[in-house]
C-alpha atoms as a PDB file:
ATOM      1  CA  MET A   1     101.140  54.652  90.919  1.00  0.00           C
ATOM      2  CA  SER A   2      98.150  55.863  93.044  1.00  0.00           C
ATOM      3  CA  VAL A   3      97.689  59.552  93.888  1.00  0.00           C
ATOM      4  CA  THR A   4      98.598  58.907  97.584  1.00  0.00           C
ATOM      5  CA  LEU A   5     101.823  57.160  96.607  1.00  0.00           C
ATOM      6  CA  TYR A   6     102.689  59.896  94.128  1.00  0.00           C
ATOM      7  CA  ARG A   7     102.171  62.489  96.815  1.00  0.00           C
ATOM      8  CA  ILE A   8     104.314  60.636  99.282  1.00  0.00           C
ATOM      9  CA  ALA A   9     107.033  60.179  96.733  1.00  0.00           C
ATOM     10  CA  GLY A  10     106.854  63.891  95.787  1.00  0.00           C
ATOM     11  CA  LEU A  11     106.975  64.937  99.418  1.00  0.00           C
ATOM     12  CA  ILE A  12     110.055  62.892 100.173  1.00  0.00           C
ATOM     13  CA  ALA A  13     111.719  64.053  96.884  1.00  0.00           C
ATOM     14  CA  ILE A  14     111.198  67.718  97.865  1.00  0.00           C
ATOM     15  CA  ILE A  15     112.773  67.210 101.320  1.00  0.00           C
ATOM     16  CA  VAL A  16     115.687  65.253  99.916  1.00  0.00           C
ATOM     17  CA  ALA A  17     116.171  67.753  97.134  1.00  0.00           C
ATOM     18  CA  PHE A  18     116.096  70.575  99.668  1.00  0.00           C
ATOM     19  CA  PHE A  19     119.004  69.246 101.606  1.00  0.00           C
ATOM     20  CA  LEU A  20     121.036  68.169  98.588  1.00  0.00           C
ATOM     21  CA  LEU A  21     120.653  71.591  97.029  1.00  0.00           C
ATOM     22  CA  GLN A  22     121.546  73.374 100.270  1.00  0.00           C
ATOM     23  CA  ARG A  23     124.739  71.407 100.669  1.00  0.00           C
ATOM     24  CA  GLY A  24     125.603  71.293  96.987  1.00  0.00           C
ATOM     25  CA  ILE A  25     125.177  74.974  96.366  1.00  0.00           C
ATOM     26  CA  ALA A  26     127.001  75.860  99.651  1.00  0.00           C
ATOM     27  CA  THR A  27     129.887  73.554  98.712  1.00  0.00           C
ATOM     28  CA  MET A  28     130.186  75.102  95.240  1.00  0.00           C
ATOM     29  CA  ILE A  29     130.034  78.614  96.471  1.00  0.00           C
ATOM     30  CA  LEU A  30     132.659  77.977  99.159  1.00  0.00           C
ATOM     31  CA  ARG A  31     134.924  76.672  96.556  1.00  0.00           C
ATOM     32  CA  PHE A  32     134.868  79.889  94.571  1.00  0.00           C
ATOM     33  CA  PHE A  33     134.172  82.613  97.167  1.00  0.00           C
ATOM     34  CA  ASP A  34     135.054  81.013 100.523  1.00  0.00           C
ATOM     35  CA  LYS A  35     133.092  82.533 103.538  1.00  0.00           C
ATOM     36  CA  THR A  36     132.831  86.071 102.098  1.00  0.00           C
ATOM     37  CA  PRO A  37     129.820  88.426 101.698  1.00  0.00           C
ATOM     38  CA  ALA A  38     130.084  87.926  97.969  1.00  0.00           C
ATOM     39  CA  GLY A  39     129.786  84.118  98.541  1.00  0.00           C
ATOM     40  CA  SER A  40     126.739  84.599 100.674  1.00  0.00           C
ATOM     41  CA  LEU A  41     125.139  86.856  97.977  1.00  0.00           C
ATOM     42  CA  ALA A  42     125.902  84.239  95.308  1.00  0.00           C
ATOM     43  CA  PHE A  43     124.417  81.568  97.501  1.00  0.00           C
ATOM     44  CA  TYR A  44     121.117  83.345  97.874  1.00  0.00           C
ATOM     45  CA  LEU A  45     120.962  84.412  94.270  1.00  0.00           C
ATOM     46  CA  SER A  46     121.406  80.731  93.225  1.00  0.00           C
ATOM     47  CA  TRP A  47     118.477  79.871  95.358  1.00  0.00           C
ATOM     48  CA  LEU A  48     116.451  82.690  93.860  1.00  0.00           C
ATOM     49  CA  ILE A  49     116.973  81.293  90.350  1.00  0.00           C
ATOM     50  CA  LEU A  50     115.778  77.869  91.513  1.00  0.00           C
ATOM     51  CA  LEU A  51     112.736  79.392  93.178  1.00  0.00           C
ATOM     52  CA  LEU A  52     111.830  81.324  90.014  1.00  0.00           C
ATOM     53  CA  ILE A  53     111.934  77.993  88.147  1.00  0.00           C
ATOM     54  CA  LEU A  54     109.775  76.212  90.725  1.00  0.00           C
ATOM     55  CA  ILE A  55     107.197  79.064  90.473  1.00  0.00           C
ATOM     56  CA  LEU A  56     107.108  78.782  86.734  1.00  0.00           C
ATOM     57  CA  VAL A  57     106.516  74.998  87.033  1.00  0.00           C
ATOM     58  CA  GLN A  58     103.375  75.619  89.163  1.00  0.00           C
ATOM     59  CA  PRO A  59     102.272  79.174  88.341  1.00  0.00           C
ATOM     60  CA  GLN A  60      98.682  78.425  89.509  1.00  0.00           C
ATOM     61  CA  LEU A  61      99.616  78.049  93.132  1.00  0.00           C
ATOM     62  CA  ASP A  62      99.167  81.028  95.544  1.00  0.00           C
ATOM     63  CA  TYR A  63     102.643  81.906  96.671  1.00  0.00           C
ATOM     64  CA  GLY A  64     101.613  85.102  98.440  1.00  0.00           C
ATOM     65  CA  LEU A  65     104.089  87.149  96.390  1.00  0.00           C
ATOM     66  CA  PHE A  66     101.866  89.546  94.575  1.00  0.00           C
ATOM     67  CA  ARG A  67      99.817  91.280  97.319  1.00  0.00           C
ATOM     68  CA  TRP A  68     100.262  92.811 100.720  1.00  0.00           C
ATOM     69  CA  GLY A  69      97.549  90.674 102.181  1.00  0.00           C
ATOM     70  CA  ARG A  70      95.157  91.076 105.164  1.00  0.00           C
ATOM     71  CA  TRP A  71      97.671  92.922 107.310  1.00  0.00           C
ATOM     72  CA  ARG A  72      95.169  95.348 108.727  1.00  0.00           C
ATOM     73  CA  ALA A  73      93.087  92.511 110.106  1.00  0.00           C
ATOM     74  CA  GLU A  74      96.143  90.848 111.544  1.00  0.00           C
ATOM     75  CA  TRP A  75      97.964  93.890 112.927  1.00  0.00           C
ATOM     76  CA  LEU A  76      98.050  92.574 116.533  1.00  0.00           C
ATOM     77  CA  ALA A  77      99.538  89.280 115.418  1.00  0.00           C
ATOM     78  CA  ILE A  78     102.094  91.121 113.371  1.00  0.00           C
ATOM     79  CA  VAL A  79     103.133  93.336 116.292  1.00  0.00           C
ATOM     80  CA  ILE A  80     103.428  90.298 118.679  1.00  0.00           C
ATOM     81  CA  ILE A  81     105.498  88.302 116.177  1.00  0.00           C
ATOM     82  CA  LEU A  82     107.702  91.265 115.456  1.00  0.00           C
ATOM     83  CA  LEU A  83     108.398  91.726 119.170  1.00  0.00           C
ATOM     84  CA  GLY A  84     109.116  88.007 119.489  1.00  0.00           C
ATOM     85  CA  TRP A  85     111.682  88.277 116.650  1.00  0.00           C
ATOM     86  CA  LEU A  86     113.363  91.226 118.132  1.00  0.00           C
ATOM     87  CA  ALA A  87     113.496  89.948 121.769  1.00  0.00           C
ATOM     88  CA  PRO A  88     116.415  87.480 121.471  1.00  0.00           C
ATOM     89  CA  ASN A  89     118.687  90.273 120.332  1.00  0.00           C
ATOM     90  CA  ILE A  90     117.332  93.291 122.146  1.00  0.00           C
ATOM     91  CA  LEU A  91     116.515  92.013 125.635  1.00  0.00           C
ATOM     92  CA  PRO A  92     119.947  90.755 126.460  1.00  0.00           C
ATOM     93  CA  LYS A  93     121.392  94.102 125.719  1.00  0.00           C
ATOM     94  CA  ILE A  94     118.756  95.841 127.700  1.00  0.00           C
ATOM     95  CA  PHE A  95     119.205  93.774 130.781  1.00  0.00           C
ATOM     96  CA  ALA A  96     123.040  93.745 130.508  1.00  0.00           C
ATOM     97  CA  GLN A  97     123.084  97.446 129.698  1.00  0.00           C
ATOM     98  CA  ALA A  98     125.431  96.638 126.713  1.00  0.00           C
ATOM     99  CA  PRO A  99     126.455  99.493 124.505  1.00  0.00           C
ATOM    100  CA  TRP A 100     124.563 100.042 121.224  1.00  0.00           C
ATOM    101  CA  GLN A 101     126.315 100.970 117.971  1.00  0.00           C
ATOM    102  CA  ALA A 102     125.215 101.308 114.478  1.00  0.00           C
ATOM    103  CA  PRO A 103     126.358  98.580 112.120  1.00  0.00           C
ATOM    104  CA  PRO A 104     128.620  99.486 109.125  1.00  0.00           C
ATOM    105  CA  LEU A 105     126.931  99.868 105.839  1.00  0.00           C
ATOM    106  CA  ASN A 106     128.550  96.997 103.705  1.00  0.00           C
ATOM    107  CA  LEU A 107     127.682  93.977 101.641  1.00  0.00           C
ATOM    108  CA  ALA A 108     127.448  91.746 104.751  1.00  0.00           C
ATOM    109  CA  LEU A 109     124.774  93.993 106.285  1.00  0.00           C
ATOM    110  CA  PHE A 110     122.868  94.065 102.882  1.00  0.00           C
ATOM    111  CA  ASN A 111     122.950  90.348 102.668  1.00  0.00           C
ATOM    112  CA  GLY A 112     121.826  89.740 106.224  1.00  0.00           C
ATOM    113  CA  VAL A 113     119.147  92.332 106.451  1.00  0.00           C
ATOM    114  CA  ILE A 114     117.694  92.378 102.869  1.00  0.00           C
ATOM    115  CA  VAL A 115     118.779  89.522 100.640  1.00  0.00           C
ATOM    116  CA  ALA A 116     118.612  86.585 103.091  1.00  0.00           C
ATOM    117  CA  PRO A 117     115.180  87.487 104.696  1.00  0.00           C
ATOM    118  CA  VAL A 118     113.495  88.142 101.363  1.00  0.00           C
ATOM    119  CA  ILE A 119     114.781  84.975  99.666  1.00  0.00           C
ATOM    120  CA  GLU A 120     114.199  82.790 102.756  1.00  0.00           C
ATOM    121  CA  GLU A 121     110.640  83.992 102.999  1.00  0.00           C
ATOM    122  CA  ILE A 122     110.021  83.252  99.306  1.00  0.00           C
ATOM    123  CA  LEU A 123     111.587  79.907  99.817  1.00  0.00           C
ATOM    124  CA  PHE A 124     109.978  78.714 102.992  1.00  0.00           C
ATOM    125  CA  ARG A 125     106.678  80.646 103.281  1.00  0.00           C
ATOM    126  CA  GLY A 126     106.126  81.114  99.615  1.00  0.00           C
ATOM    127  CA  VAL A 127     107.270  78.124  97.555  1.00  0.00           C
ATOM    128  CA  LEU A 128     107.917  75.297  99.982  1.00  0.00           C
ATOM    129  CA  GLN A 129     104.761  75.848 102.042  1.00  0.00           C
ATOM    130  CA  ARG A 130     102.686  75.681  98.905  1.00  0.00           C
ATOM    131  CA  TYR A 131     104.415  72.642  97.385  1.00  0.00           C
ATOM    132  CA  LEU A 132     104.211  70.718 100.759  1.00  0.00           C
ATOM    133  CA  ALA A 133     100.549  71.429 101.172  1.00  0.00           C
ATOM    134  CA  MET A 134      99.909  70.381  97.530  1.00  0.00           C
ATOM    135  CA  LEU A 135     101.705  67.049  97.965  1.00  0.00           C
ATOM    136  CA  TRP A 136     100.710  66.191 101.537  1.00  0.00           C
ATOM    137  CA  PRO A 137      99.088  62.757 101.197  1.00  0.00           C
ATOM    138  CA  THR A 138      96.443  62.934 103.871  1.00  0.00           C
ATOM    139  CA  VAL A 139      93.300  64.551 102.541  1.00  0.00           C
ATOM    140  CA  TRP A 140      90.810  63.279 105.213  1.00  0.00           C
ATOM    141  CA  LEU A 141      90.604  66.612 106.963  1.00  0.00           C
ATOM    142  CA  GLU A 142      90.286  69.739 104.911  1.00  0.00           C
ATOM    143  CA  ARG A 143      93.014  71.758 106.575  1.00  0.00           C
ATOM    144  CA  LEU A 144      95.341  68.935 107.568  1.00  0.00           C
ATOM    145  CA  PRO A 145      97.561  69.208 104.533  1.00  0.00           C
ATOM    146  CA  LEU A 146      98.046  72.948 105.171  1.00  0.00           C
ATOM    147  CA  THR A 147      98.722  72.465 108.949  1.00  0.00           C
ATOM    148  CA  ALA A 148     101.304  69.745 108.083  1.00  0.00           C
ATOM    149  CA  ALA A 149     102.905  72.065 105.472  1.00  0.00           C
ATOM    150  CA  VAL A 150     103.174  74.912 108.059  1.00  0.00           C
ATOM    151  CA  LEU A 151     104.865  72.595 110.650  1.00  0.00           C
ATOM    152  CA  LEU A 152     107.214  70.999 108.098  1.00  0.00           C
ATOM    153  CA  SER A 153     108.290  74.260 106.510  1.00  0.00           C
ATOM    154  CA  ALA A 154     109.019  75.676 110.038  1.00  0.00           C
ATOM    155  CA  LEU A 155     111.138  72.572 110.769  1.00  0.00           C
ATOM    156  CA  LEU A 156     113.011  72.929 107.482  1.00  0.00           C
ATOM    157  CA  PHE A 157     113.633  76.570 108.257  1.00  0.00           C
ATOM    158  CA  SER A 158     115.210  75.600 111.556  1.00  0.00           C
ATOM    159  CA  LEU A 159     117.364  72.944 109.866  1.00  0.00           C
ATOM    160  CA  TRP A 160     118.349  75.548 107.283  1.00  0.00           C
ATOM    161  CA  HIS A 161     120.413  77.442 109.818  1.00  0.00           C
ATOM    162  CA  PHE A 162     122.763  74.544 110.599  1.00  0.00           C
ATOM    163  CA  PRO A 163     125.433  72.934 108.411  1.00  0.00           C
ATOM    164  CA  SER A 164     123.562  69.561 108.401  1.00  0.00           C
ATOM    165  CA  PRO A 165     120.638  67.832 109.928  1.00  0.00           C
ATOM    166  CA  TRP A 166     123.131  66.035 112.218  1.00  0.00           C
ATOM    167  CA  ALA A 167     124.505  69.361 113.490  1.00  0.00           C
ATOM    168  CA  TRP A 168     120.978  70.465 114.168  1.00  0.00           C
ATOM    169  CA  ALA A 169     120.259  67.306 116.119  1.00  0.00           C
ATOM    170  CA  GLN A 170     123.392  67.675 118.182  1.00  0.00           C
ATOM    171  CA  SER A 171     122.360  71.277 119.044  1.00  0.00           C
ATOM    172  CA  LEU A 172     119.052  70.342 120.519  1.00  0.00           C
ATOM    173  CA  GLY A 173     120.515  70.795 123.997  1.00  0.00           C
ATOM    174  CA  SER A 174     120.862  74.611 123.155  1.00  0.00           C
ATOM    175  CA  VAL A 175     118.139  77.160 122.523  1.00  0.00           C
ATOM    176  CA  LYS A 176     119.191  78.013 118.917  1.00  0.00           C
ATOM    177  CA  PRO A 177     117.208  75.359 116.974  1.00  0.00           C
ATOM    178  CA  TYR A 178     114.069  76.072 119.034  1.00  0.00           C
ATOM    179  CA  LEU A 179     114.264  79.827 118.363  1.00  0.00           C
ATOM    180  CA  HIS A 180     114.537  79.169 114.552  1.00  0.00           C
ATOM    181  CA  LEU A 181     111.659  76.658 114.864  1.00  0.00           C
ATOM    182  CA  ALA A 182     109.434  79.131 116.723  1.00  0.00           C
ATOM    183  CA  GLY A 183     110.329  81.896 114.327  1.00  0.00           C
ATOM    184  CA  GLY A 184     109.580  79.760 111.303  1.00  0.00           C
ATOM    185  CA  LEU A 185     106.345  78.566 112.808  1.00  0.00           C
ATOM    186  CA  SER A 186     105.247  82.155 113.573  1.00  0.00           C
ATOM    187  CA  LEU A 187     105.931  83.469 110.091  1.00  0.00           C
ATOM    188  CA  SER A 188     104.341  80.339 108.501  1.00  0.00           C
ATOM    189  CA  ILE A 189     101.112  80.964 110.378  1.00  0.00           C
ATOM    190  CA  LEU A 190     101.236  84.639 109.644  1.00  0.00           C
ATOM    191  CA  ARG A 191     101.680  83.853 105.950  1.00  0.00           C
ATOM    192  CA  GLU A 192      98.396  81.827 105.973  1.00  0.00           C
ATOM    193  CA  ARG A 193      96.490  84.418 108.092  1.00  0.00           C
ATOM    194  CA  THR A 194      97.491  87.334 105.946  1.00  0.00           C
ATOM    195  CA  GLY A 195      97.647  85.530 102.529  1.00  0.00           C
ATOM    196  CA  SER A 196     100.958  87.184 101.794  1.00  0.00           C
ATOM    197  CA  ILE A 197     104.708  86.632 102.541  1.00  0.00           C
ATOM    198  CA  TRP A 198     105.473  90.405 102.847  1.00  0.00           C
ATOM    199  CA  PRO A 199     104.455  91.059 106.491  1.00  0.00           C
ATOM    200  CA  GLY A 200     106.824  88.145 107.379  1.00  0.00           C
ATOM    201  CA  VAL A 201     109.475  89.632 105.227  1.00  0.00           C
ATOM    202  CA  ILE A 202     109.342  92.895 107.093  1.00  0.00           C
ATOM    203  CA  ILE A 203     109.487  91.060 110.419  1.00  0.00           C
ATOM    204  CA  HIS A 204     112.365  88.806 109.238  1.00  0.00           C
ATOM    205  CA  CYS A 205     114.322  91.895 108.034  1.00  0.00           C
ATOM    206  CA  ALA A 206     113.771  93.746 111.301  1.00  0.00           C
ATOM    207  CA  GLY A 207     114.733  90.651 113.386  1.00  0.00           C
ATOM    208  CA  ASN A 208     117.894  90.217 111.428  1.00  0.00           C
ATOM    209  CA  LEU A 209     118.748  93.962 111.661  1.00  0.00           C
ATOM    210  CA  SER A 210     118.509  93.899 115.445  1.00  0.00           C
ATOM    211  CA  ALA A 211     121.275  91.286 115.573  1.00  0.00           C
ATOM    212  CA  TYR A 212     123.794  93.811 114.135  1.00  0.00           C
ATOM    213  CA  PHE A 213     123.442  96.490 116.825  1.00  0.00           C
END
């Protein structure tokens, strides 16, 4: 098998495995935990174990996990992206003058504000983005594999927030899939600009936290 065919096969295998694992792990967790905060925690911890295995398989790749990155040089982009992530939850309450209330401190809040953002950033901006760039078959232009990986990881991030790709396709008439796509794209670009996933982790955590008030 040629290198190009190998990369195409690897790319397809990653995408197929991503959806199979998402549905398989979710089905297994629902069987034991139902839709509970403990089930959500178990779901994300299962993914964390898989991600650690993938990192050990290709330890030479730069996953952006072990440094803060060029955050000082990208502070303006970080602020703009942060405001973009906060806007969908904060602006409606400001214009509607809706009441604000502090969320209860419980496992659901911990999962939504800490566990989910951290593991999703490791998954999409850390591991997937690197694997997709490594396997992208087109090598004619130097940065094309990375650009394709950024776009594809953002699309997978949007699909992640729906029960299935079909549910995602059916929701294209609403704003939700586009918000997740824009959010994923902004954090994917930021990860490449800063060289680290951690500015994106902080933005993701803050964005999720704003949904609880």
